């Protein structure tokens, strides 16, 4: 029977220990078993390399780890408990999130509670127990930093997504922590670990390019979720790196080696799909959010504005032959002045947001003229979530906001002179700018669409106040007569 040389036995030993077999006695038994299998294959005329490859293929990439896991499960009570906790929390958390997603889509009650419980189970039970199990199985100080960074990145991401879906505060901060942890700790640790294991220089280049692509993709996805500018460029750059350079190059290298078109290659394919599909769904959901929700709300506000504007005009026209016609025309002129001021701010916000720094966009591309004034073409907006518009023109302390506050105060005082004390108080509350524009800017940035919704509500309130004043004028005239 052929016998292995010391160098051949040393190679088998290194390969076994590289699988992080931490039980010394188990490692020795596995090495001895594999050596016997290799010698048996060599009895049939195979060279060492062919015989060893045949044995490795028969064993598989995970079998040695599974043997150690089974051994740990049998002899270590703490490991057994943590493994059970990991499985139960993983299944329960994932199941709750899946059911919660269905309830959320169907608008059934209980979705928020199940989603919260599922996310907490994954973030604070499954991930810690997984970290303990991985450490128990490997006892690798080199991988400890990788495990810990993966734990924190996963925990921050799950909690951040939960906060974002539930519209809780500091969601952006938690997601930012997830991104920072992933980019500055997890990815470098994972890349370093993989590069040390590789000998092929070409594969090292592919892994480095893949890491760069992931950096762009993660930043782009974060910017997309937070509605920050540059999200599309980042996502596009990440996709180009990952799916037009790295994936085809990696596939070409593996395609030449028939022995490697197996679980590793399938993992890359499935992992790529798992990366792209959720990101695509998030992007489509965000797109739908402002096309279906924001746009429909804005169109409804514009329709209400047109209706109120026409009703007030018809009311004044019906009173043209009365003694109150001059006073009503004066009220209309003052109202038109304040409406034009608000519309002017809207135009500045849109053109500044859509234009380049220092060069506003052409207003004709985003506004159309109508009987009630300029209407915004919301579907034409390319940057509906730009956050600079509000901070430049409507945030407290800005020049235009100060001008608007003063004008609204004067207008409120003017129309209150036509009403009783109770009605005057109602006008003051209705035209208070803080009811529309004072938001917690330190907590979240205000995108353009939300700012435009605020101004649309204000303009409709102004028309409602004008309608009440016009009716008050005619009622007083009737009372005198």
Foldseek 3Di string as FASTA:
>chain_A
DDADDPVLLVVLLVVLCVLQAPPPVLSVVVSVVLRVQLVVQVVVPDDSVVSSVVSDVVCDDCNSLVVSLVVCCVPPPVLVVLVVQLVVLLVQLVVLLVVLVVCVVVVHPPSLVSLVSSLCSCLPGNLVSVLVNVCVRRVDPLCNQLSVLVNQLSNLCSVLVSCLVVVHFPSLVSNVSSLCSCLVGNLVSVLVVVVVVDDDPVVNVLSVLLSVLVNLCSVLLSCLSQLHPPSVVSNVSSCCSVPVPNLVVVCVVQVVPVVNPPDVNVCSVVVVCVSPVVSVVSNVVSVCCCVVPLVVLLVVLVVLLVVLVVVLVVLLVVCCPDPCNVVLVVLVVLLVVLLVLLVVLLLVLQQCQQDDVVGGHDSVQFWDADPSGIDGPVVSRPRQFYQVSCVAACPPPHPSVVVSQVSLVVSLVVLLVLDDPVVSVVSCVLSHLCVQRDDPCVRGGGGNSSNVSSSSSNSSSSSVSSVVSSVSVVVVVVVVD
